[in-house]
Structure formats: C-alpha cells, structure tokens
Amino acid sequence: MIAQKDFLIEHDKFVLNIGPSHPATHGVLRVLVQLDGETIVHAEPIIGYLHTSMEKYAEYKTYHQAETITDRMDYVAGASNNLGYILAVEKLCGVKAPKRAEYIRVILAEFTRISSHLVWLATHAVDLGALTEFLYCFRERELILDIIETVTGQRMTPSFFRVGGLAMDIHNDFIEKTRDFIKIFPDKIHEY
C-alpha cells in the first residue's frame, strides 16, 4: 500500500483522478477514487480549486458597497448570499431590521433558492439527455426572475437588502405575482 495524504492506495486497486472540473461547469471539485473493478471502494473529495478573491475586494469597500460582491458569488441565488451577508453585518453592528423587511428578505431569498434548484435540476437533466425537463424548469425560473425584478429592478444580482432593512418597500405587483406563482408551482413540481 502507498499512502497519499490520508488515502491508502492498494496495489491491486485502480485509482482514478476525477477533476478538477473546469470553473464553467456545475461545480469545481476533484475526487480521487479507488476502484475494485467497477466498484468504488473509496472516494476522497478534494476541495479548494475555486478562489475568486471576493473577500479581498470587500476589504476596501463600505458595508453597503460590499453587498454587490455577495450576490455575484453565486449569481443564481444572489438574494440568498445578500441575506447571509446583511445578517452578519447587522449582528456586528447591533442593528435589527423591522419585521416587514425580515419577511420580504426571506421571501426573496426563498425565490432565489427555488430558482437555484430549478437551474440544478434543469442542467442535470440535460446531462442525462432530458432536454424537455430543462425547458420546464426554465419556464418557472423565468417567472421567479420576473417577480424578483418587479421588486429589485434586477433579475439575478439584486443587491436589494440594506443594513437595517431594504432599499425600498415592495408594491402590489410583487404580492400579486407571488400569489399567482404559489398557485401554479405545486402542480409544476409533479410535472418535473
């Protein structure tokens, strides 16, 4: 046996290096796998291949300016990253947002979470040869992005949350579009 870090390689087993995959693909990861025939007997995930220096950019910005960096960390779920960042800043500064702002933040973050899951399902379906699934998922994703744009003015990189609240209040179009989406979406899940 040969030890490579904590990975024991047996001479009668085949070792396969998978990745690191390209940053433009679904994720950046390297996996060192050990095979016994076609059976994976050990897998060692090796992370750390993606470093964008976003934290370095943020060092020279105000709290408000740095928020625009967070929604670009994962552009498919911008509001989710904004929320985590803003909550951390508010905790550091001892600031509490009004309940209404907290609710709106969670609704927007949940919309981006659903949108992100739809992108995952769509792209993985294409990897399996299911193009129709991709079209179905992106149909509802477009509805979500329209709702987010109604409130924030942006579809994917909103930067809408502020320390202590929001950039502005929502309007009735957002409420109406959200209710319409909630009515149709459960049936779409079955369709997927």
N, C-alpha and C. Protein backbone atom coordinates (compact mmCIF):
# COMPACT_ATOMS: atom_id res chain seq x y z
N MET A 1 0.83 -1.19 0.00
CA MET A 1 0.00 0.00 0.00
C MET A 1 0.87 1.25 0.00
N ILE A 2 0.39 2.25 -0.72
CA ILE A 2 1.05 3.55 -0.77
C ILE A 2 0.10 4.56 -0.14
N ALA A 3 0.60 5.36 0.78
CA ALA A 3 -0.24 6.39 1.39
C ALA A 3 -0.05 7.71 0.66
N GLN A 4 -1.14 8.30 0.22
CA GLN A 4 -1.11 9.63 -0.38
C GLN A 4 -2.00 10.49 0.49
N LYS A 5 -1.39 11.30 1.33
CA LYS A 5 -2.09 12.02 2.40
C LYS A 5 -2.78 10.96 3.25
N ASP A 6 -4.12 11.03 3.38
CA ASP A 6 -4.84 10.03 4.17
C ASP A 6 -5.47 8.96 3.29
N PHE A 7 -5.06 8.90 2.06
CA PHE A 7 -5.65 8.00 1.07
C PHE A 7 -4.73 6.81 0.88
N LEU A 8 -5.14 5.64 1.32
CA LEU A 8 -4.33 4.44 1.17
C LEU A 8 -4.61 3.79 -0.18
N ILE A 9 -3.59 3.62 -0.97
CA ILE A 9 -3.74 3.04 -2.30
C ILE A 9 -3.24 1.61 -2.27
N GLU A 10 -4.13 0.69 -2.54
CA GLU A 10 -3.75 -0.72 -2.61
C GLU A 10 -3.30 -1.02 -4.03
N HIS A 11 -2.23 -1.77 -4.17
CA HIS A 11 -1.64 -2.03 -5.48
C HIS A 11 -2.57 -2.79 -6.42
N ASP A 12 -3.49 -3.58 -5.88
CA ASP A 12 -4.39 -4.33 -6.76
C ASP A 12 -5.66 -3.55 -7.12
N LYS A 13 -5.76 -2.31 -6.68
CA LYS A 13 -6.91 -1.46 -6.98
C LYS A 13 -6.52 -0.40 -7.99
N PHE A 14 -7.49 0.03 -8.78
CA PHE A 14 -7.27 1.07 -9.79
C PHE A 14 -7.63 2.41 -9.18
N VAL A 15 -6.75 3.38 -9.31
CA VAL A 15 -7.00 4.72 -8.78
C VAL A 15 -7.30 5.66 -9.94
N LEU A 16 -8.40 6.39 -9.81
CA LEU A 16 -8.83 7.30 -10.87
C LEU A 16 -8.95 8.71 -10.29
N ASN A 17 -8.39 9.66 -10.98
CA ASN A 17 -8.46 11.05 -10.59
C ASN A 17 -9.57 11.71 -11.41
N ILE A 18 -10.62 12.15 -10.76
CA ILE A 18 -11.73 12.81 -11.45
C ILE A 18 -11.66 14.30 -11.14
N GLY A 19 -11.36 15.11 -12.15
CA GLY A 19 -11.30 16.56 -11.95
C GLY A 19 -9.88 17.01 -11.74
N PRO A 20 -9.64 18.23 -11.34
CA PRO A 20 -10.72 19.17 -11.03
C PRO A 20 -11.47 19.58 -12.30
N SER A 21 -12.76 19.76 -12.12
CA SER A 21 -13.56 20.16 -13.27
C SER A 21 -13.34 21.65 -13.55
N HIS A 22 -13.69 22.08 -14.72
CA HIS A 22 -13.48 23.46 -15.14
C HIS A 22 -14.45 24.38 -14.39
N PRO A 23 -14.04 25.59 -14.03
CA PRO A 23 -14.92 26.51 -13.30
C PRO A 23 -16.23 26.82 -14.02
N ALA A 24 -16.30 26.64 -15.33
CA ALA A 24 -17.54 26.93 -16.06
C ALA A 24 -18.56 25.81 -15.96
N THR A 25 -18.17 24.68 -15.36
CA THR A 25 -19.11 23.57 -15.23
C THR A 25 -19.92 23.72 -13.95
N HIS A 26 -20.68 22.71 -13.59
CA HIS A 26 -21.61 22.81 -12.47
C HIS A 26 -20.95 23.02 -11.12
N GLY A 27 -19.70 22.67 -10.99
CA GLY A 27 -19.00 22.85 -9.73
C GLY A 27 -17.53 22.56 -9.89
N VAL A 28 -16.76 22.99 -8.94
CA VAL A 28 -15.31 22.78 -9.03
C VAL A 28 -14.91 21.85 -7.90
N LEU A 29 -14.51 20.66 -8.27
CA LEU A 29 -14.19 19.63 -7.29
C LEU A 29 -13.30 18.59 -7.95
N ARG A 30 -12.39 18.06 -7.15
CA ARG A 30 -11.57 16.92 -7.59
C ARG A 30 -11.89 15.76 -6.66
N VAL A 31 -12.06 14.59 -7.23
CA VAL A 31 -12.32 13.41 -6.41
C VAL A 31 -11.31 12.34 -6.82
N LEU A 32 -10.59 11.84 -5.84
CA LEU A 32 -9.66 10.73 -6.05
C LEU A 32 -10.42 9.47 -5.65
N VAL A 33 -10.65 8.58 -6.61
CA VAL A 33 -11.42 7.37 -6.32
C VAL A 33 -10.58 6.13 -6.51
N GLN A 34 -10.86 5.14 -5.70
CA GLN A 34 -10.18 3.85 -5.80
C GLN A 34 -11.23 2.83 -6.21
N LEU A 35 -10.93 2.09 -7.29
CA LEU A 35 -11.88 1.15 -7.85
C LEU A 35 -11.42 -0.29 -7.67
N ASP A 36 -12.37 -1.14 -7.39
CA ASP A 36 -12.15 -2.58 -7.43
C ASP A 36 -13.06 -3.07 -8.55
N GLY A 37 -12.49 -3.22 -9.73
CA GLY A 37 -13.31 -3.48 -10.91
C GLY A 37 -14.09 -2.22 -11.24
N GLU A 38 -15.41 -2.31 -11.21
CA GLU A 38 -16.25 -1.15 -11.46
C GLU A 38 -16.86 -0.59 -10.18
N THR A 39 -16.45 -1.12 -9.06
CA THR A 39 -16.99 -0.69 -7.77
C THR A 39 -16.06 0.32 -7.11
N ILE A 40 -16.62 1.45 -6.70
CA ILE A 40 -15.82 2.45 -5.97
C ILE A 40 -15.71 1.97 -4.53
N VAL A 41 -14.47 1.73 -4.09
CA VAL A 41 -14.25 1.26 -2.73
C VAL A 41 -13.83 2.39 -1.79
N HIS A 42 -13.37 3.49 -2.36
CA HIS A 42 -13.01 4.66 -1.55
C HIS A 42 -13.04 5.89 -2.44
N ALA A 43 -13.50 6.98 -1.89
CA ALA A 43 -13.52 8.26 -2.62
C ALA A 43 -13.07 9.37 -1.69
N GLU A 44 -12.18 10.18 -2.17
CA GLU A 44 -11.62 11.28 -1.38
C GLU A 44 -11.91 12.60 -2.11
N PRO A 45 -12.90 13.38 -1.62
CA PRO A 45 -13.14 14.68 -2.26
C PRO A 45 -12.03 15.67 -1.90
N ILE A 46 -11.56 16.40 -2.87
CA ILE A 46 -10.51 17.39 -2.65
C ILE A 46 -11.05 18.74 -3.11
N ILE A 47 -11.29 19.63 -2.14
CA ILE A 47 -11.90 20.91 -2.46
C ILE A 47 -10.85 22.02 -2.46
N GLY A 48 -11.26 23.20 -2.84
CA GLY A 48 -10.37 24.35 -2.77
C GLY A 48 -9.84 24.81 -4.11
N TYR A 49 -10.47 24.39 -5.19
CA TYR A 49 -9.98 24.78 -6.51
C TYR A 49 -10.59 26.09 -7.01
N LEU A 50 -11.51 26.65 -6.27
CA LEU A 50 -12.14 27.89 -6.69
C LEU A 50 -11.87 28.97 -5.66
N HIS A 51 -11.14 29.99 -6.07
CA HIS A 51 -10.87 31.12 -5.19
C HIS A 51 -11.01 32.38 -6.03
N THR A 52 -11.98 33.20 -5.68
CA THR A 52 -12.27 34.37 -6.51
C THR A 52 -11.78 35.68 -5.91
N SER A 53 -11.25 35.65 -4.72
CA SER A 53 -10.72 36.84 -4.03
C SER A 53 -11.80 37.86 -3.70
N MET A 54 -13.04 37.44 -3.62
CA MET A 54 -14.12 38.38 -3.31
C MET A 54 -13.95 39.01 -1.94
N GLU A 55 -13.44 38.21 -1.00
CA GLU A 55 -13.24 38.78 0.34
C GLU A 55 -12.17 39.87 0.31
N LYS A 56 -11.21 39.75 -0.58
CA LYS A 56 -10.17 40.78 -0.71
C LYS A 56 -10.77 42.07 -1.29
N TYR A 57 -11.66 41.91 -2.29
CA TYR A 57 -12.33 43.09 -2.85
C TYR A 57 -13.11 43.82 -1.76
N ALA A 58 -13.77 43.06 -0.89
CA ALA A 58 -14.63 43.66 0.13
C ALA A 58 -13.85 44.45 1.18
N GLU A 59 -12.58 44.16 1.36
CA GLU A 59 -11.79 44.86 2.38
C GLU A 59 -11.73 46.36 2.16
N TYR A 60 -11.89 46.78 0.94
CA TYR A 60 -11.75 48.21 0.61
C TYR A 60 -13.08 48.86 0.30
N LYS A 61 -14.15 48.27 0.75
CA LYS A 61 -15.48 48.80 0.48
C LYS A 61 -16.24 49.00 1.79
N THR A 62 -17.24 49.87 1.73
CA THR A 62 -18.14 50.02 2.88
C THR A 62 -19.04 48.80 2.94
N TYR A 63 -19.77 48.64 4.04
CA TYR A 63 -20.70 47.51 4.15
C TYR A 63 -21.69 47.51 2.99
N HIS A 64 -22.19 48.68 2.67
CA HIS A 64 -23.18 48.78 1.58
C HIS A 64 -22.55 48.43 0.23
N GLN A 65 -21.37 48.91 -0.04
CA GLN A 65 -20.71 48.62 -1.32
C GLN A 65 -20.37 47.14 -1.45
N ALA A 66 -20.00 46.51 -0.36
CA ALA A 66 -19.59 45.10 -0.41
C ALA A 66 -20.74 44.16 -0.71
N GLU A 67 -21.97 44.61 -0.47
CA GLU A 67 -23.12 43.74 -0.75
C GLU A 67 -23.17 43.35 -2.22
N THR A 68 -22.78 44.24 -3.11
CA THR A 68 -22.84 43.92 -4.54
C THR A 68 -21.90 42.76 -4.89
N ILE A 69 -20.89 42.54 -4.09
CA ILE A 69 -19.99 41.41 -4.32
C ILE A 69 -20.68 40.11 -3.94
N THR A 70 -21.48 40.14 -2.88
CA THR A 70 -22.06 38.88 -2.37
C THR A 70 -23.07 38.28 -3.33
N ASP A 71 -23.82 39.09 -4.06
CA ASP A 71 -24.79 38.46 -4.96
C ASP A 71 -24.15 37.95 -6.25
N ARG A 72 -22.88 38.21 -6.42
CA ARG A 72 -22.17 37.68 -7.58
C ARG A 72 -21.38 36.41 -7.24
N MET A 73 -21.30 36.09 -5.95
CA MET A 73 -20.62 34.86 -5.54
C MET A 73 -21.34 33.63 -6.11
N ASP A 74 -22.65 33.68 -6.08
CA ASP A 74 -23.48 32.65 -6.70
C ASP A 74 -24.62 33.40 -7.37
N TYR A 75 -24.41 33.77 -8.63
CA TYR A 75 -25.36 34.63 -9.31
C TYR A 75 -26.74 33.99 -9.47
N VAL A 76 -26.85 32.69 -9.30
CA VAL A 76 -28.14 32.02 -9.41
C VAL A 76 -28.96 32.23 -8.13
N ALA A 77 -28.31 32.54 -7.03
CA ALA A 77 -29.01 32.74 -5.76
C ALA A 77 -28.50 34.00 -5.08
N GLY A 78 -28.53 35.11 -5.81
CA GLY A 78 -27.98 36.37 -5.31
C GLY A 78 -28.58 36.84 -3.99
N ALA A 79 -29.90 36.81 -3.89
CA ALA A 79 -30.54 37.30 -2.66
C ALA A 79 -30.18 36.44 -1.45
N SER A 80 -29.95 35.16 -1.66
CA SER A 80 -29.56 34.30 -0.53
C SER A 80 -28.20 34.72 0.02
N ASN A 81 -27.26 35.03 -0.87
CA ASN A 81 -25.95 35.50 -0.42
C ASN A 81 -26.05 36.88 0.20
N ASN A 82 -26.87 37.75 -0.37
CA ASN A 82 -27.08 39.07 0.21
C ASN A 82 -27.60 38.95 1.64
N LEU A 83 -28.55 38.05 1.83
CA LEU A 83 -29.16 37.90 3.15
C LEU A 83 -28.14 37.46 4.20
N GLY A 84 -27.35 36.45 3.87
CA GLY A 84 -26.33 36.00 4.83
C GLY A 84 -25.37 37.12 5.20
N TYR A 85 -24.94 37.86 4.21
CA TYR A 85 -24.01 38.97 4.44
C TYR A 85 -24.65 40.07 5.29
N ILE A 86 -25.85 40.49 4.92
CA ILE A 86 -26.51 41.58 5.64
C ILE A 86 -26.81 41.17 7.09
N LEU A 87 -27.22 39.93 7.30
CA LEU A 87 -27.47 39.47 8.67
C LEU A 87 -26.19 39.50 9.51
N ALA A 88 -25.07 39.13 8.89
CA ALA A 88 -23.79 39.17 9.61
C ALA A 88 -23.41 40.61 9.97
N VAL A 89 -23.58 41.53 9.02
CA VAL A 89 -23.25 42.94 9.28
C VAL A 89 -24.16 43.50 10.37
N GLU A 90 -25.45 43.18 10.29
CA GLU A 90 -26.39 43.67 11.31
C GLU A 90 -26.02 43.13 12.69
N LYS A 91 -25.60 41.88 12.76
CA LYS A 91 -25.19 41.32 14.06
C LYS A 91 -23.96 42.03 14.58
N LEU A 92 -22.99 42.28 13.69
CA LEU A 92 -21.78 43.00 14.11
C LEU A 92 -22.08 44.40 14.61
N CYS A 93 -23.03 45.06 13.96
CA CYS A 93 -23.35 46.46 14.28
C CYS A 93 -24.45 46.60 15.32
N GLY A 94 -25.06 45.49 15.71
CA GLY A 94 -26.15 45.56 16.69
C GLY A 94 -27.41 46.20 16.12
N VAL A 95 -27.67 45.99 14.84
CA VAL A 95 -28.82 46.58 14.17
C VAL A 95 -29.89 45.52 13.98
N LYS A 96 -31.16 45.89 14.15
CA LYS A 96 -32.28 44.97 13.95
C LYS A 96 -33.20 45.56 12.89
N ALA A 97 -33.48 44.79 11.85
CA ALA A 97 -34.39 45.23 10.79
C ALA A 97 -35.84 45.07 11.24
N PRO A 98 -36.73 45.88 10.70
CA PRO A 98 -38.16 45.71 11.02
C PRO A 98 -38.67 44.35 10.54
N LYS A 99 -39.71 43.84 11.21
CA LYS A 99 -40.28 42.53 10.87
C LYS A 99 -40.67 42.46 9.39
N ARG A 100 -41.29 43.51 8.87
CA ARG A 100 -41.72 43.51 7.47
C ARG A 100 -40.52 43.29 6.54
N ALA A 101 -39.43 43.96 6.81
CA ALA A 101 -38.22 43.80 6.00
C ALA A 101 -37.69 42.38 6.12
N GLU A 102 -37.73 41.81 7.33
CA GLU A 102 -37.27 40.43 7.52
C GLU A 102 -38.10 39.47 6.69
N TYR A 103 -39.42 39.64 6.67
CA TYR A 103 -40.29 38.77 5.88
C TYR A 103 -39.99 38.88 4.39
N ILE A 104 -39.86 40.11 3.92
CA ILE A 104 -39.58 40.33 2.49
C ILE A 104 -38.24 39.73 2.12
N ARG A 105 -37.25 39.88 2.96
CA ARG A 105 -35.93 39.28 2.71
C ARG A 105 -36.04 37.77 2.55
N VAL A 106 -36.76 37.13 3.47
CA VAL A 106 -36.89 35.67 3.44
C VAL A 106 -37.63 35.24 2.17
N ILE A 107 -38.68 35.95 1.80
CA ILE A 107 -39.43 35.61 0.58
C ILE A 107 -38.52 35.70 -0.64
N LEU A 108 -37.75 36.77 -0.75
CA LEU A 108 -36.84 36.92 -1.90
C LEU A 108 -35.74 35.86 -1.88
N ALA A 109 -35.21 35.58 -0.70
CA ALA A 109 -34.17 34.54 -0.61
C ALA A 109 -34.74 33.18 -0.98
N GLU A 110 -35.97 32.90 -0.59
CA GLU A 110 -36.60 31.63 -0.95
C GLU A 110 -36.85 31.54 -2.45
N PHE A 111 -37.22 32.65 -3.05
CA PHE A 111 -37.38 32.65 -4.51
C PHE A 111 -36.06 32.32 -5.20
N THR A 112 -34.96 32.90 -4.72
CA THR A 112 -33.68 32.59 -5.36
C THR A 112 -33.26 31.15 -5.08
N ARG A 113 -33.64 30.63 -3.92
CA ARG A 113 -33.33 29.22 -3.62
C ARG A 113 -34.08 28.30 -4.57
N ILE A 114 -35.36 28.57 -4.77
CA ILE A 114 -36.14 27.76 -5.71
C ILE A 114 -35.56 27.88 -7.11
N SER A 115 -35.22 29.10 -7.50
CA SER A 115 -34.63 29.33 -8.82
C SER A 115 -33.32 28.55 -8.98
N SER A 116 -32.50 28.56 -7.96
CA SER A 116 -31.24 27.83 -7.99
C SER A 116 -31.48 26.33 -8.13
N HIS A 117 -32.46 25.80 -7.41
CA HIS A 117 -32.78 24.38 -7.53
C HIS A 117 -33.30 24.04 -8.93
N LEU A 118 -34.05 24.95 -9.51
CA LEU A 118 -34.54 24.72 -10.87
C LEU A 118 -33.39 24.68 -11.87
N VAL A 119 -32.40 25.55 -11.69
CA VAL A 119 -31.22 25.52 -12.56
C VAL A 119 -30.48 24.19 -12.39
N TRP A 120 -30.34 23.75 -11.13
CA TRP A 120 -29.68 22.47 -10.88
C TRP A 120 -30.42 21.33 -11.59
N LEU A 121 -31.73 21.25 -11.36
CA LEU A 121 -32.50 20.16 -11.95
C LEU A 121 -32.44 20.21 -13.48
N ALA A 122 -32.57 21.40 -14.03
CA ALA A 122 -32.56 21.56 -15.49
C ALA A 122 -31.24 21.14 -16.10
N THR A 123 -30.13 21.60 -15.53
CA THR A 123 -28.83 21.29 -16.12
C THR A 123 -28.46 19.83 -15.93
N HIS A 124 -28.83 19.26 -14.81
CA HIS A 124 -28.53 17.84 -14.61
C HIS A 124 -29.42 16.96 -15.49
N ALA A 125 -30.63 17.40 -15.75
CA ALA A 125 -31.49 16.65 -16.67
C ALA A 125 -30.88 16.65 -18.07
N VAL A 126 -30.34 17.79 -18.49
CA VAL A 126 -29.68 17.87 -19.80
C VAL A 126 -28.49 16.91 -19.84
N ASP A 127 -27.73 16.85 -18.74
CA ASP A 127 -26.61 15.92 -18.68
C ASP A 127 -27.06 14.47 -18.90
N LEU A 128 -28.31 14.19 -18.54
CA LEU A 128 -28.86 12.84 -18.72
C LEU A 128 -29.60 12.68 -20.04
N GLY A 129 -29.65 13.78 -20.83
CA GLY A 129 -30.30 13.72 -22.14
C GLY A 129 -31.76 14.12 -22.13
N ALA A 130 -32.22 14.76 -21.07
CA ALA A 130 -33.63 15.14 -20.94
C ALA A 130 -33.81 16.64 -21.18
N LEU A 131 -33.87 17.05 -22.42
CA LEU A 131 -33.97 18.47 -22.76
C LEU A 131 -35.31 19.07 -22.35
N THR A 132 -36.37 18.29 -22.43
CA THR A 132 -37.70 18.82 -22.08
C THR A 132 -37.73 19.29 -20.63
N GLU A 133 -37.11 18.53 -19.75
CA GLU A 133 -37.04 18.91 -18.33
C GLU A 133 -36.39 20.29 -18.17
N PHE A 134 -35.34 20.53 -18.93
CA PHE A 134 -34.65 21.82 -18.92
C PHE A 134 -35.63 22.94 -19.26
N LEU A 135 -36.42 22.74 -20.29
CA LEU A 135 -37.38 23.77 -20.72
C LEU A 135 -38.45 24.01 -19.67
N TYR A 136 -38.94 22.93 -19.06
CA TYR A 136 -39.94 23.08 -18.00
C TYR A 136 -39.39 23.89 -16.83
N CYS A 137 -38.21 23.53 -16.37
CA CYS A 137 -37.61 24.21 -15.22
C CYS A 137 -37.34 25.68 -15.51
N PHE A 138 -36.83 25.97 -16.69
CA PHE A 138 -36.52 27.36 -17.01
C PHE A 138 -37.78 28.19 -17.25
N ARG A 139 -38.88 27.54 -17.58
CA ARG A 139 -40.17 28.25 -17.71
C ARG A 139 -40.55 28.87 -16.36
N GLU A 140 -40.49 28.08 -15.28
CA GLU A 140 -40.83 28.60 -13.95
C GLU A 140 -39.73 29.51 -13.40
N ARG A 141 -38.51 29.23 -13.75
CA ARG A 141 -37.41 30.11 -13.31
C ARG A 141 -37.61 31.52 -13.85
N GLU A 142 -38.07 31.63 -15.08
CA GLU A 142 -38.34 32.94 -15.66
C GLU A 142 -39.42 33.68 -14.88
N LEU A 143 -40.44 32.96 -14.43
CA LEU A 143 -41.48 33.60 -13.61
C LEU A 143 -40.88 34.14 -12.31
N ILE A 144 -40.00 33.35 -11.70
CA ILE A 144 -39.36 33.79 -10.45
C ILE A 144 -38.49 35.02 -10.70
N LEU A 145 -37.70 34.99 -11.76
CA LEU A 145 -36.85 36.14 -12.05
C LEU A 145 -37.67 37.39 -12.35
N ASP A 146 -38.82 37.23 -12.98
CA ASP A 146 -39.71 38.38 -13.21
C ASP A 146 -40.21 38.95 -11.89
N ILE A 147 -40.54 38.07 -10.94
CA ILE A 147 -41.01 38.53 -9.63
C ILE A 147 -39.90 39.30 -8.91
N ILE A 148 -38.70 38.74 -8.92
CA ILE A 148 -37.57 39.41 -8.27
C ILE A 148 -37.30 40.76 -8.93
N GLU A 149 -37.38 40.80 -10.25
CA GLU A 149 -37.15 42.06 -10.97
C GLU A 149 -38.22 43.09 -10.64
N THR A 150 -39.46 42.65 -10.41
CA THR A 150 -40.54 43.56 -10.05
C THR A 150 -40.17 44.37 -8.80
N VAL A 151 -39.52 43.72 -7.86
CA VAL A 151 -39.18 44.37 -6.59
C VAL A 151 -37.85 45.11 -6.66
N THR A 152 -36.83 44.42 -7.18
CA THR A 152 -35.46 44.93 -7.05
C THR A 152 -34.96 45.70 -8.27
N GLY A 153 -35.59 45.48 -9.42
CA GLY A 153 -35.11 46.09 -10.65
C GLY A 153 -34.06 45.25 -11.35
N GLN A 154 -33.64 44.16 -10.72
CA GLN A 154 -32.64 43.24 -11.28
C GLN A 154 -33.19 41.83 -11.24
N ARG A 155 -32.75 41.02 -12.19
CA ARG A 155 -33.23 39.64 -12.23
C ARG A 155 -32.33 38.69 -11.44
N MET A 156 -31.04 38.90 -11.45
CA MET A 156 -30.14 37.92 -10.85
C MET A 156 -29.18 38.48 -9.80
N THR A 157 -28.87 39.73 -9.85
CA THR A 157 -27.94 40.33 -8.87
C THR A 157 -28.63 41.53 -8.21
N PRO A 158 -29.55 41.25 -7.29
CA PRO A 158 -30.42 42.31 -6.79
C PRO A 158 -29.77 43.37 -5.90
N SER A 159 -28.88 42.99 -4.99
CA SER A 159 -28.30 43.96 -4.03
C SER A 159 -29.39 44.86 -3.45
N PHE A 160 -30.45 44.26 -3.01
CA PHE A 160 -31.65 44.98 -2.58
C PHE A 160 -31.74 45.15 -1.07
N PHE A 161 -31.08 44.28 -0.32
CA PHE A 161 -31.14 44.37 1.13
C PHE A 161 -30.19 45.46 1.62
N ARG A 162 -30.53 46.05 2.73
CA ARG A 162 -29.69 47.07 3.34
C ARG A 162 -29.52 46.75 4.82
N VAL A 163 -28.45 47.25 5.38
CA VAL A 163 -28.26 47.10 6.83
C VAL A 163 -29.42 47.84 7.49
N GLY A 164 -30.24 47.12 8.22
CA GLY A 164 -31.41 47.71 8.87
C GLY A 164 -32.69 47.63 8.07
N GLY A 165 -32.66 47.03 6.88
CA GLY A 165 -33.91 46.95 6.12
C GLY A 165 -33.72 46.59 4.66
N LEU A 166 -34.38 47.36 3.81
CA LEU A 166 -34.39 47.13 2.36
C LEU A 166 -34.09 48.44 1.63
N ALA A 167 -33.79 48.35 0.36
CA ALA A 167 -33.56 49.56 -0.44
C ALA A 167 -34.84 50.37 -0.56
N MET A 168 -35.98 49.67 -0.67
CA MET A 168 -37.30 50.32 -0.73
C MET A 168 -38.35 49.28 -0.39
N ASP A 169 -39.57 49.73 -0.23
CA ASP A 169 -40.65 48.80 0.09
C ASP A 169 -41.14 48.13 -1.19
N ILE A 170 -41.87 47.04 -1.01
CA ILE A 170 -42.45 46.33 -2.14
C ILE A 170 -43.74 47.03 -2.56
N HIS A 171 -44.27 46.65 -3.72
CA HIS A 171 -45.55 47.19 -4.16
C HIS A 171 -46.49 46.04 -4.50
N ASN A 172 -47.72 46.37 -4.83
CA ASN A 172 -48.77 45.36 -5.01
C ASN A 172 -48.47 44.37 -6.13
N ASP A 173 -47.75 44.78 -7.17
CA ASP A 173 -47.41 43.84 -8.25
C ASP A 173 -46.65 42.64 -7.71
N PHE A 174 -45.75 42.88 -6.77
CA PHE A 174 -44.97 41.79 -6.18
C PHE A 174 -45.89 40.82 -5.45
N ILE A 175 -46.78 41.34 -4.66
CA ILE A 175 -47.69 40.50 -3.89
C ILE A 175 -48.57 39.68 -4.83
N GLU A 176 -49.11 40.32 -5.85
CA GLU A 176 -49.99 39.65 -6.81
C GLU A 176 -49.24 38.56 -7.59
N LYS A 177 -48.03 38.88 -8.08
CA LYS A 177 -47.24 37.89 -8.83
C LYS A 177 -46.81 36.73 -7.94
N THR A 178 -46.51 37.01 -6.69
CA THR A 178 -46.12 35.96 -5.75
C THR A 178 -47.28 35.01 -5.51
N ARG A 179 -48.47 35.56 -5.28
CA ARG A 179 -49.66 34.71 -5.08
C ARG A 179 -49.94 33.86 -6.31
N ASP A 180 -49.81 34.46 -7.50
CA ASP A 180 -50.04 33.70 -8.74
C ASP A 180 -49.05 32.55 -8.87
N PHE A 181 -47.79 32.80 -8.53
CA PHE A 181 -46.76 31.76 -8.62
C PHE A 181 -47.05 30.62 -7.64
N ILE A 182 -47.44 30.98 -6.42
CA ILE A 182 -47.73 29.97 -5.40
C ILE A 182 -48.88 29.06 -5.84
N LYS A 183 -49.82 29.62 -6.59
CA LYS A 183 -50.96 28.81 -7.07
C LYS A 183 -50.53 27.78 -8.10
N ILE A 184 -49.61 28.13 -8.99
CA ILE A 184 -49.27 27.23 -10.10
C ILE A 184 -48.09 26.29 -9.82
N PHE A 185 -47.21 26.69 -8.90
CA PHE A 185 -45.95 25.95 -8.77
C PHE A 185 -46.08 24.50 -8.26
N PRO A 186 -46.94 24.21 -7.27
CA PRO A 186 -47.03 22.81 -6.80
C PRO A 186 -47.34 21.81 -7.93
N ASP A 187 -48.21 22.18 -8.85
CA ASP A 187 -48.52 21.27 -9.98
C ASP A 187 -47.33 21.11 -10.90
N LYS A 188 -46.49 22.11 -11.01
CA LYS A 188 -45.31 22.04 -11.88
C LYS A 188 -44.29 21.06 -11.33
N ILE A 189 -44.20 20.97 -10.01
CA ILE A 189 -43.27 20.02 -9.39
C ILE A 189 -43.63 18.60 -9.82
N HIS A 190 -44.92 18.29 -9.82
CA HIS A 190 -45.35 16.97 -10.28
C HIS A 190 -44.98 16.76 -11.76
N GLU A 191 -45.11 17.82 -12.55
CA GLU A 191 -44.77 17.74 -13.97
C GLU A 191 -43.28 17.45 -14.17
N TYR A 192 -42.43 18.02 -13.33
CA TYR A 192 -40.98 17.77 -13.46
C TYR A 192 -40.70 16.30 -13.25
